[in-house]
Amino acid sequence: MDMLCILQKEQKDRHIENGWWFPVMYFLLAGLSFNSLTAGRPWMKWLIAGTAICGGALLLWRLLHWKEYRRMPGLLLWILFFSSYALSSLLNASYGIRENLEAMVWLGLQLFVLYPHRQDDVEKGWKAEERFSMVIVLYTTVQALVSLAMLSVGYGGVDSERGMYIGLQLGRLWGSYSDPNYGAILSCVSILCSFWLIRRTGKKKVLLFAHIGLQYLYIIFSYSRSGQVCLAASVGITFLCYWPQISGGIKRKLLLLALVAVIVGPACGWIRDGYNQLHLTVYAAEYQEKKDGLHREDELEEDITNGRLATWKDGLEVWKANPIFGISYRNIAPYMQETFPDASMVNREYHLNTFHNMLIDVAVSQGSVGLILVLAAVCFLFRRFISMFSQWKDEDFLLRIIPALIVITIGIGSMFVSDIFYINTPTSVAFWFFLGRFWWRKRDFFSDRGCNV
């Protein structure tokens, strides 16, 4: 009877903490927050509150069952990182504390709810990734279809009240994303999720390959160079992972490699040029008046980094002025306006409150303490990845490696946009979910390893 009660309790626990419902909820919140059609709408505050309450309840649940999570790789480093941000916020409370408290709530949910998990049986682990991946695919399918529909008619609008560009703007396709760079990087993640689902289920291959084509087109028309770098990296590495399974000899493999290189490289420019020619033909009068095709050449000729290099230099100056604990992320804007009024990011047409680089954001926000903790976590987890790599079986190698490729892709993107920490982007939610799932193994996985940080 006692054993039956224990089993019933464990089953109830698994129902509450099943590894996928909260990540899906959090991802949808982040997705709608970075959607130009929904962001800032009055009803969004209820979704924000609901997600925070559910996340807080789940965090409390995990604190009560902390023994089941204590061996999660790198968890101690993330606890120290979170504490470092709290200290930086406290030391800079004169610039404001409320927004930093909000940032700590979301950072806490990412580090301590999305990332850690129990070590369930194999099939439950795959199911969690399958459901989360499918949600990403469905969301980005809708986003791509809506955005490409706007592009097909040359639609562009501005919602001044919410501060949103919609459709075709500034020579790029924003579509229904509030920022085309984040949209393009998320499209790269969605492509990898599609490859994972094809490998995992073997079903609906035609639909998934069509989805990959949609995401590819959005990346091209978004004219996001960050997205194109992530596309080249993610597709290129995925192709190399599939390399041993490609039949037909070395010549066929090299031919396919050359084709992939063309698709993720020069073909992007060719397709954009083709759209511009068609656009000029169909909308000749409007084009001559507005120049609303896909054009960034003039902008990039003036500064190939599009202001990023100057912004990064501003960040390094702030880091040098506050080298130990930083100034906290949500205080960047008031601090810059008061202390560095001549900085490039302050004197832009639209003031920036972030540095478009994850490492610089951390260095500025939490000083050398925070940066050292992040680099230590990267080194520790990379070493753990190498130790795991040799243990994978051939039949599940691709299922294991694609979550790592998603994490790497978002990490590459975070060198050009602010992501992963401090901000609720769809890609940050995906990053922490897949980083946690990557370490997933059977229940005894962590017990037979050495020191866990």
Protein backbone atom coordinates (compact mmCIF):
# COMPACT_ATOMS: atom_id res chain seq x y z
CA MET A 1 0.00 0.00 0.00
CA ASP A 2 2.82 2.39 0.86
CA MET A 3 4.53 1.58 -2.41
CA LEU A 4 1.28 2.28 -4.31
CA CYS A 5 1.01 5.70 -2.63
CA ILE A 6 4.60 6.51 -3.55
CA LEU A 7 3.98 5.57 -7.18
CA GLN A 8 0.78 7.64 -7.31
CA LYS A 9 2.63 10.63 -5.82
CA GLU A 10 5.44 10.30 -8.38
CA GLN A 11 2.88 10.13 -11.19
CA LYS A 12 1.21 13.29 -9.88
CA ASP A 13 4.58 15.02 -9.63
CA ARG A 14 5.37 14.12 -13.22
CA HIS A 15 2.03 15.55 -14.34
CA ILE A 16 2.84 18.90 -12.72
CA GLU A 17 6.48 18.91 -13.85
CA ASN A 18 6.33 17.29 -17.28
CA GLY A 19 8.96 19.39 -19.01
CA TRP A 20 7.03 21.07 -21.82
CA TRP A 21 3.90 23.02 -20.82
CA PHE A 22 5.64 26.00 -19.22
CA PRO A 23 8.32 26.37 -21.94
CA VAL A 24 5.51 26.43 -24.52
CA MET A 25 3.60 29.04 -22.51
CA TYR A 26 6.73 31.16 -22.06
CA PHE A 27 7.66 30.86 -25.75
CA LEU A 28 4.21 32.03 -26.85
CA LEU A 29 4.47 35.03 -24.52
CA ALA A 30 7.88 35.92 -25.96
CA GLY A 31 6.68 35.30 -29.51
CA LEU A 32 3.65 37.57 -29.14
CA SER A 33 5.82 40.20 -27.42
CA PHE A 34 8.07 40.29 -30.50
CA ASN A 35 5.14 40.26 -32.92
CA SER A 36 4.40 43.64 -34.47
CA LEU A 37 0.68 42.83 -34.63
CA THR A 38 0.28 41.85 -30.97
CA ALA A 39 3.08 43.49 -28.96
CA GLY A 40 1.87 46.19 -26.59
CA ARG A 41 -1.81 45.27 -26.88
CA PRO A 42 -3.78 45.73 -23.63
CA TRP A 43 -4.60 42.01 -23.31
CA MET A 44 -0.89 41.13 -23.35
CA LYS A 45 -0.58 42.22 -19.71
CA TRP A 46 -2.80 39.28 -18.71
CA LEU A 47 -0.60 36.82 -20.58
CA ILE A 48 2.48 38.36 -18.95
CA ALA A 49 0.92 38.08 -15.48
CA GLY A 50 -0.27 34.52 -16.11
CA THR A 51 3.14 33.40 -17.30
CA ALA A 52 4.91 35.03 -14.35
CA ILE A 53 2.49 33.44 -11.84
CA CYS A 54 2.76 29.96 -13.40
CA GLY A 55 6.53 30.30 -13.61
CA GLY A 56 6.75 31.42 -10.01
CA ALA A 57 4.63 28.48 -8.85
CA LEU A 58 6.78 26.06 -10.83
CA LEU A 59 9.94 27.63 -9.41
CA LEU A 60 8.57 27.17 -5.88
CA TRP A 61 7.79 23.53 -6.73
CA ARG A 62 11.36 23.02 -7.83
CA LEU A 63 12.75 24.64 -4.71
CA LEU A 64 10.75 22.16 -2.65
CA HIS A 65 12.21 19.33 -4.75
CA TRP A 66 15.67 20.84 -5.11
CA LYS A 67 17.50 17.54 -4.60
CA GLU A 68 16.28 16.32 -7.97
CA TYR A 69 17.91 19.28 -9.75
CA ARG A 70 21.08 19.87 -7.77
CA ARG A 71 23.29 17.91 -10.18
CA MET A 72 22.19 19.82 -13.27
CA PRO A 73 25.45 20.85 -15.01
CA GLY A 74 26.43 24.46 -14.43
CA LEU A 75 23.51 25.22 -12.12
CA LEU A 76 25.75 26.59 -9.35
CA LEU A 77 27.39 28.97 -11.81
CA TRP A 78 23.97 30.27 -12.89
CA ILE A 79 23.00 30.78 -9.26
CA LEU A 80 26.13 32.88 -8.77
CA PHE A 81 25.40 34.76 -12.01
CA PHE A 82 21.87 35.57 -10.85
CA SER A 83 23.22 36.73 -7.49
CA SER A 84 25.72 38.93 -9.29
CA TYR A 85 22.91 40.64 -11.19
CA ALA A 86 21.00 41.20 -7.96
CA LEU A 87 24.09 42.83 -6.43
CA SER A 88 24.67 45.03 -9.50
CA SER A 89 21.02 46.15 -9.37
CA LEU A 90 21.31 46.98 -5.68
CA LEU A 91 24.53 48.97 -6.16
CA ASN A 92 22.86 51.02 -8.91
CA ALA A 93 19.48 51.46 -7.26
CA SER A 94 19.80 55.25 -7.58
CA TYR A 95 18.98 54.90 -11.31
CA GLY A 96 15.87 52.83 -10.57
CA ILE A 97 15.07 49.45 -9.08
CA ARG A 98 11.63 48.42 -10.38
CA GLU A 99 12.70 47.49 -13.91
CA ASN A 100 15.67 45.54 -12.59
CA LEU A 101 13.35 43.60 -10.29
CA GLU A 102 11.24 42.73 -13.34
CA ALA A 103 14.36 41.66 -15.21
CA MET A 104 15.36 39.43 -12.29
CA VAL A 105 11.97 37.70 -12.40
CA TRP A 106 12.37 36.76 -16.06
CA LEU A 107 16.06 35.93 -15.70
CA GLY A 108 15.18 33.67 -12.77
CA LEU A 109 12.55 31.83 -14.82
CA GLN A 110 15.04 31.28 -17.63
CA LEU A 111 17.89 30.08 -15.42
CA PHE A 112 15.91 28.06 -12.87
CA VAL A 113 12.72 26.91 -14.63
CA LEU A 114 13.52 26.58 -18.34
CA TYR A 115 17.04 25.23 -17.87
CA PRO A 116 16.90 22.60 -15.06
CA HIS A 117 14.76 19.50 -15.35
CA ARG A 118 14.28 16.05 -13.92
CA GLN A 119 15.83 13.01 -15.52
CA ASP A 120 12.74 11.21 -16.81
CA ASP A 121 12.64 8.14 -19.00
CA VAL A 122 13.85 8.33 -22.60
CA GLU A 123 10.47 8.61 -24.31
CA LYS A 124 9.27 11.47 -22.07
CA GLY A 125 12.46 13.35 -22.89
CA TRP A 126 11.87 13.07 -26.62
CA LYS A 127 8.20 14.02 -26.27
CA ALA A 128 9.05 17.30 -24.51
CA GLU A 129 11.42 18.33 -27.31
CA GLU A 130 8.98 17.17 -29.97
CA ARG A 131 6.11 19.27 -28.63
CA PHE A 132 8.24 22.36 -28.06
CA SER A 133 9.81 22.06 -31.53
CA MET A 134 6.38 21.70 -33.12
CA VAL A 135 5.17 24.89 -31.40
CA ILE A 136 8.18 26.78 -32.79
CA VAL A 137 7.50 25.39 -36.27
CA LEU A 138 3.80 26.31 -36.14
CA TYR A 139 4.45 29.82 -34.80
CA THR A 140 7.15 30.64 -37.34
CA THR A 141 5.02 29.21 -40.17
CA VAL A 142 2.25 31.69 -39.37
CA GLN A 143 4.76 34.52 -39.02
CA ALA A 144 6.45 33.72 -42.33
CA LEU A 145 3.15 33.39 -44.23
CA VAL A 146 1.84 36.71 -42.90
CA SER A 147 5.15 38.46 -43.56
CA LEU A 148 5.55 37.11 -47.09
CA ALA A 149 1.93 38.06 -47.85
CA MET A 150 2.80 41.64 -46.85
CA LEU A 151 5.88 41.50 -49.07
CA SER A 152 3.92 40.20 -52.05
CA VAL A 153 1.76 43.33 -52.13
CA GLY A 154 4.48 45.73 -51.00
CA TYR A 155 2.64 46.59 -47.78
CA GLY A 156 4.32 48.73 -45.16
CA GLY A 157 2.78 50.42 -42.15
CA VAL A 158 3.71 52.04 -38.85
CA ASP A 159 1.81 51.84 -35.59
CA SER A 160 3.05 55.00 -33.89
CA GLU A 161 1.13 54.40 -30.70
CA ARG A 162 2.90 51.09 -30.07
CA GLY A 163 6.12 52.07 -31.87
CA MET A 164 5.92 49.19 -34.37
CA TYR A 165 7.05 48.85 -37.97
CA ILE A 166 4.90 46.44 -39.98
CA GLY A 167 5.55 44.86 -43.35
CA LEU A 168 8.14 46.32 -45.72
CA GLN A 169 10.14 49.06 -43.98
CA LEU A 170 13.53 50.73 -44.42
CA GLY A 171 14.48 48.46 -47.31
CA ARG A 172 13.81 45.26 -45.32
CA LEU A 173 10.95 42.89 -44.60
CA TRP A 174 9.92 43.31 -41.00
CA GLY A 175 6.63 41.59 -41.71
CA SER A 176 4.84 40.64 -38.49
CA TYR A 177 8.05 40.57 -36.44
CA SER A 178 8.84 43.60 -34.30
CA ASP A 179 12.52 43.20 -35.27
CA PRO A 180 13.68 41.42 -38.46
CA ASN A 181 16.98 40.34 -36.90
CA TYR A 182 15.29 38.38 -34.14
CA GLY A 183 12.81 37.05 -36.67
CA ALA A 184 15.58 35.81 -38.97
CA ILE A 185 17.50 34.12 -36.14
CA LEU A 186 14.30 32.46 -34.94
CA SER A 187 13.74 31.24 -38.51
CA CYS A 188 17.16 29.54 -38.37
CA VAL A 189 16.14 27.87 -35.10
CA SER A 190 12.89 26.76 -36.72
CA ILE A 191 14.78 25.20 -39.63
CA LEU A 192 16.81 23.14 -37.15
CA CYS A 193 13.62 22.15 -35.31
CA SER A 194 12.24 20.92 -38.63
CA PHE A 195 15.31 18.77 -39.23
CA TRP A 196 14.92 17.39 -35.71
CA LEU A 197 11.24 16.55 -36.26
CA ILE A 198 12.01 14.87 -39.58
CA ARG A 199 14.62 12.73 -37.86
CA ARG A 200 12.48 12.07 -34.79
CA THR A 201 9.08 11.29 -36.34
CA GLY A 202 9.74 10.60 -40.02
CA LYS A 203 6.25 12.05 -40.64
CA LYS A 204 4.98 15.04 -42.65
CA LYS A 205 8.32 15.42 -44.39
CA VAL A 206 6.79 17.33 -47.31
CA LEU A 207 5.19 19.89 -44.98
CA LEU A 208 8.36 20.27 -42.93
CA PHE A 209 10.52 20.81 -46.03
CA ALA A 210 7.97 23.37 -47.26
CA HIS A 211 8.27 25.05 -43.87
CA ILE A 212 12.07 25.15 -44.24
CA GLY A 213 11.56 26.91 -47.59
CA LEU A 214 9.29 29.52 -45.97
CA GLN A 215 11.83 30.28 -43.25
CA TYR A 216 14.61 30.50 -45.83
CA LEU A 217 12.62 33.10 -47.77
CA TYR A 218 11.93 35.15 -44.66
CA ILE A 219 15.63 35.20 -43.77
CA ILE A 220 16.46 36.41 -47.29
CA PHE A 221 13.82 39.13 -47.43
CA SER A 222 14.43 40.32 -43.86
CA TYR A 223 17.85 41.38 -45.19
CA SER A 224 19.28 40.44 -41.81
CA ARG A 225 22.98 39.79 -42.06
CA SER A 226 22.87 38.36 -38.54
CA GLY A 227 20.25 35.91 -39.77
CA GLN A 228 22.31 34.97 -42.81
CA VAL A 229 25.38 34.28 -40.66
CA CYS A 230 23.26 32.06 -38.39
CA LEU A 231 21.75 30.36 -41.46
CA ALA A 232 25.16 29.57 -42.91
CA ALA A 233 26.44 28.26 -39.58
CA SER A 234 23.39 26.17 -38.66
CA VAL A 235 22.76 24.64 -42.08
CA GLY A 236 26.47 24.12 -42.73
CA ILE A 237 27.11 22.31 -39.45
CA THR A 238 23.92 20.26 -39.83
CA PHE A 239 25.04 19.19 -43.31
CA LEU A 240 28.41 18.07 -41.95
CA CYS A 241 26.62 16.07 -39.24
CA TYR A 242 24.61 14.31 -41.95
CA TRP A 243 27.78 13.81 -44.03
CA PRO A 244 28.46 10.17 -43.00
CA GLN A 245 24.91 9.20 -43.96
CA ILE A 246 25.03 10.67 -47.48
CA SER A 247 25.37 7.90 -50.04
CA GLY A 248 26.98 8.06 -53.46
CA GLY A 249 30.66 8.61 -52.77
CA ILE A 250 32.84 11.65 -52.17
CA LYS A 251 32.02 13.38 -55.47
CA ARG A 252 28.31 13.42 -54.71
CA LYS A 253 28.97 14.69 -51.19
CA LEU A 254 31.17 17.53 -52.47
CA LEU A 255 28.58 18.45 -55.09
CA LEU A 256 25.87 18.65 -52.43
CA LEU A 257 28.20 20.68 -50.19
CA ALA A 258 28.76 23.16 -53.02
CA LEU A 259 24.99 23.39 -53.56
CA VAL A 260 24.40 24.09 -49.86
CA ALA A 261 27.13 26.77 -49.94
CA VAL A 262 25.38 28.50 -52.86
CA ILE A 263 21.96 28.29 -51.19
CA VAL A 264 23.11 29.90 -47.92
CA GLY A 265 25.45 32.32 -49.70
CA PRO A 266 25.05 34.08 -53.06
CA ALA A 267 21.56 32.72 -53.74
CA CYS A 268 20.21 35.00 -50.99
CA GLY A 269 21.30 38.09 -52.93
CA TRP A 270 20.06 36.68 -56.24
CA ILE A 271 16.56 36.09 -54.84
CA ARG A 272 16.41 39.61 -53.35
CA ASP A 273 17.50 41.10 -56.67
CA GLY A 274 14.82 39.07 -58.41
CA TYR A 275 12.17 40.43 -56.06
CA ASN A 276 13.35 43.99 -56.63
CA GLN A 277 13.12 43.58 -60.40
CA LEU A 278 9.61 42.18 -60.14
CA HIS A 279 8.62 44.86 -57.63
CA LEU A 280 9.90 47.59 -59.95
CA THR A 281 7.84 46.19 -62.81
CA VAL A 282 4.57 45.80 -60.91
CA TYR A 283 4.76 48.87 -58.68
CA ALA A 284 6.79 51.19 -60.89
CA ALA A 285 5.11 54.47 -59.86
CA GLU A 286 5.15 53.71 -56.15
CA TYR A 287 8.74 52.49 -56.32
CA GLN A 288 9.95 55.68 -57.97
CA GLU A 289 8.21 57.74 -55.31
CA LYS A 290 8.96 55.69 -52.16
CA LYS A 291 11.84 53.38 -53.10
CA ASP A 292 10.18 50.66 -51.05
CA GLY A 293 12.00 47.63 -52.44
CA LEU A 294 14.64 45.58 -50.61
CA HIS A 295 17.62 47.93 -50.39
CA ARG A 296 20.23 48.41 -47.66
CA GLU A 297 23.22 49.20 -49.85
CA ASP A 298 23.31 52.95 -49.16
CA GLU A 299 22.95 52.39 -45.43
CA LEU A 300 25.74 49.81 -45.30
CA GLU A 301 28.08 51.79 -47.54
CA GLU A 302 28.21 54.53 -44.92
CA ASP A 303 28.92 52.03 -42.11
CA ILE A 304 29.26 48.34 -42.89
CA THR A 305 28.64 47.52 -39.21
CA ASN A 306 25.39 49.56 -39.21
CA GLY A 307 26.49 51.37 -36.05
CA ARG A 308 27.35 48.24 -34.10
CA LEU A 309 31.08 48.92 -33.88
CA ALA A 310 30.44 52.37 -32.41
CA THR A 311 27.90 50.92 -29.98
CA TRP A 312 30.34 48.21 -28.88
CA LYS A 313 32.99 50.87 -28.27
CA ASP A 314 30.49 52.73 -26.07
CA GLY A 315 29.95 49.53 -24.13
CA LEU A 316 33.66 49.00 -23.57
CA GLU A 317 33.96 52.55 -22.25
CA VAL A 318 31.17 51.90 -19.76
CA TRP A 319 32.82 48.63 -18.71
CA LYS A 320 36.14 50.41 -18.12
CA ALA A 321 34.33 52.97 -15.96
CA ASN A 322 32.54 50.23 -13.96
CA PRO A 323 34.84 47.21 -14.23
CA ILE A 324 33.81 45.11 -11.20
CA PHE A 325 30.01 45.00 -10.78
CA GLY A 326 28.72 46.97 -13.79
CA ILE A 327 25.67 49.21 -13.91
CA SER A 328 22.82 46.61 -14.29
CA TYR A 329 21.05 46.02 -17.58
CA ARG A 330 17.84 48.00 -17.11
CA ASN A 331 19.81 51.10 -16.04
CA ILE A 332 21.85 51.38 -19.24
CA ALA A 333 19.75 54.16 -20.81
CA PRO A 334 19.62 56.58 -17.81
CA TYR A 335 23.27 55.89 -16.98
CA MET A 336 24.43 56.62 -20.53
CA GLN A 337 22.41 59.83 -20.77
CA GLU A 338 23.85 61.10 -17.50
CA THR A 339 27.46 59.89 -17.72
CA PHE A 340 28.18 59.53 -21.46
CA PRO A 341 25.91 62.12 -23.14
CA ASP A 342 28.19 62.29 -26.20
CA ALA A 343 28.17 58.53 -26.83
CA SER A 344 27.12 57.27 -30.23
CA MET A 345 24.19 55.25 -28.89
CA VAL A 346 22.80 58.28 -27.06
CA ASN A 347 22.96 60.57 -30.08
CA ARG A 348 21.32 58.26 -32.60
CA GLU A 349 17.92 59.17 -33.99
CA TYR A 350 16.50 56.44 -31.77
CA HIS A 351 18.35 56.07 -28.46
CA LEU A 352 19.63 52.58 -27.73
CA ASN A 353 19.35 50.93 -24.34
CA THR A 354 21.41 47.86 -25.19
CA PHE A 355 24.71 47.06 -26.93
CA HIS A 356 23.68 44.42 -29.49
CA ASN A 357 26.21 41.93 -28.16
CA MET A 358 25.57 39.48 -25.35
CA LEU A 359 29.10 39.53 -23.93
CA ILE A 360 29.23 43.34 -23.88
CA ASP A 361 25.75 43.48 -22.36
CA VAL A 362 26.93 41.19 -19.54
CA ALA A 363 30.20 43.10 -19.04
CA VAL A 364 28.35 46.40 -18.82
CA SER A 365 25.49 45.06 -16.69
CA GLN A 366 27.42 42.91 -14.22
CA GLY A 367 31.03 43.93 -14.76
CA SER A 368 33.94 41.51 -14.79
CA VAL A 369 32.25 39.38 -12.13
CA GLY A 370 29.30 38.55 -14.39
CA LEU A 371 31.47 38.14 -17.49
CA ILE A 372 33.83 35.72 -15.74
CA LEU A 373 30.88 33.64 -14.54
CA VAL A 374 29.44 33.44 -18.07
CA LEU A 375 32.78 32.46 -19.60
CA ALA A 376 33.32 29.89 -16.84
CA ALA A 377 29.89 28.39 -17.57
CA VAL A 378 30.67 28.24 -21.30
CA CYS A 379 33.99 26.48 -20.69
CA PHE A 380 32.51 24.06 -18.15
CA LEU A 381 29.55 23.11 -20.33
CA PHE A 382 31.73 22.78 -23.42
CA ARG A 383 33.98 20.37 -21.55
CA ARG A 384 30.91 18.38 -20.48
CA PHE A 385 29.70 18.34 -24.10
CA ILE A 386 33.00 16.84 -25.28
CA SER A 387 32.79 14.14 -22.62
CA MET A 388 29.23 13.26 -23.71
CA PHE A 389 29.95 13.33 -27.42
CA SER A 390 31.85 10.04 -27.53
CA GLN A 391 29.04 8.21 -25.70
CA TRP A 392 26.31 8.86 -28.25
CA LYS A 393 25.06 5.97 -30.29
CA ASP A 394 24.82 6.24 -34.05
CA GLU A 395 21.05 5.85 -34.10
CA ASP A 396 20.38 8.91 -31.92
CA PHE A 397 23.39 11.06 -32.78
CA LEU A 398 21.40 13.63 -34.80
CA LEU A 399 18.65 13.76 -32.20
CA ARG A 400 21.30 14.61 -29.61
CA ILE A 401 23.32 17.07 -31.67
CA ILE A 402 20.54 19.29 -33.08
CA PRO A 403 19.62 20.82 -29.67
CA ALA A 404 23.31 21.72 -29.35
CA LEU A 405 23.21 23.29 -32.84
CA ILE A 406 20.18 25.36 -31.82
CA VAL A 407 22.07 26.63 -28.78
CA ILE A 408 25.13 27.42 -30.92
CA THR A 409 23.02 29.22 -33.54
CA ILE A 410 21.36 31.46 -30.95
CA GLY A 411 24.77 32.03 -29.35
CA ILE A 412 26.16 33.21 -32.70
CA GLY A 413 23.17 35.49 -33.16
CA SER A 414 23.71 36.97 -29.70
CA MET A 415 26.99 38.42 -30.91
CA PHE A 416 24.96 40.81 -33.11
CA VAL A 417 21.73 41.31 -31.13
CA SER A 418 21.02 41.43 -27.42
CA ASP A 419 19.75 38.00 -26.49
CA ILE A 420 19.91 35.06 -24.03
CA PHE A 421 20.12 37.19 -20.86
CA TYR A 422 17.90 40.01 -19.53
CA ILE A 423 15.39 39.98 -22.41
CA ASN A 424 12.31 37.89 -23.22
CA THR A 425 12.87 36.99 -26.86
CA PRO A 426 11.54 33.79 -28.46
CA THR A 427 15.15 32.82 -29.12
CA SER A 428 16.17 33.28 -25.48
CA VAL A 429 13.35 30.94 -24.40
CA ALA A 430 14.45 28.40 -27.01
CA PHE A 431 18.08 28.78 -25.92
CA TRP A 432 17.47 27.91 -22.29
CA PHE A 433 15.02 25.11 -23.07
CA PHE A 434 17.33 23.36 -25.53
CA LEU A 435 20.43 23.98 -23.43
CA GLY A 436 18.72 22.19 -20.57
CA ARG A 437 17.37 19.39 -22.75
CA PHE A 438 20.81 18.87 -24.24
CA TRP A 439 22.11 17.59 -20.90
CA TRP A 440 19.10 15.31 -20.52
CA ARG A 441 19.87 11.66 -19.95
CA LYS A 442 18.56 8.74 -17.97
CA ARG A 443 18.07 9.26 -14.25
CA ASP A 444 21.57 8.04 -13.34
CA PHE A 445 23.34 10.29 -15.87
CA PHE A 446 24.75 12.81 -13.41
CA SER A 447 25.46 10.34 -10.61
CA ASP A 448 28.32 8.60 -12.41
CA ARG A 449 30.20 11.77 -13.29
CA GLY A 450 32.78 13.56 -11.23
CA CYS A 451 32.50 17.05 -9.86
CA ASN A 452 29.38 18.99 -10.90
CA VAL A 453 29.41 22.76 -10.82
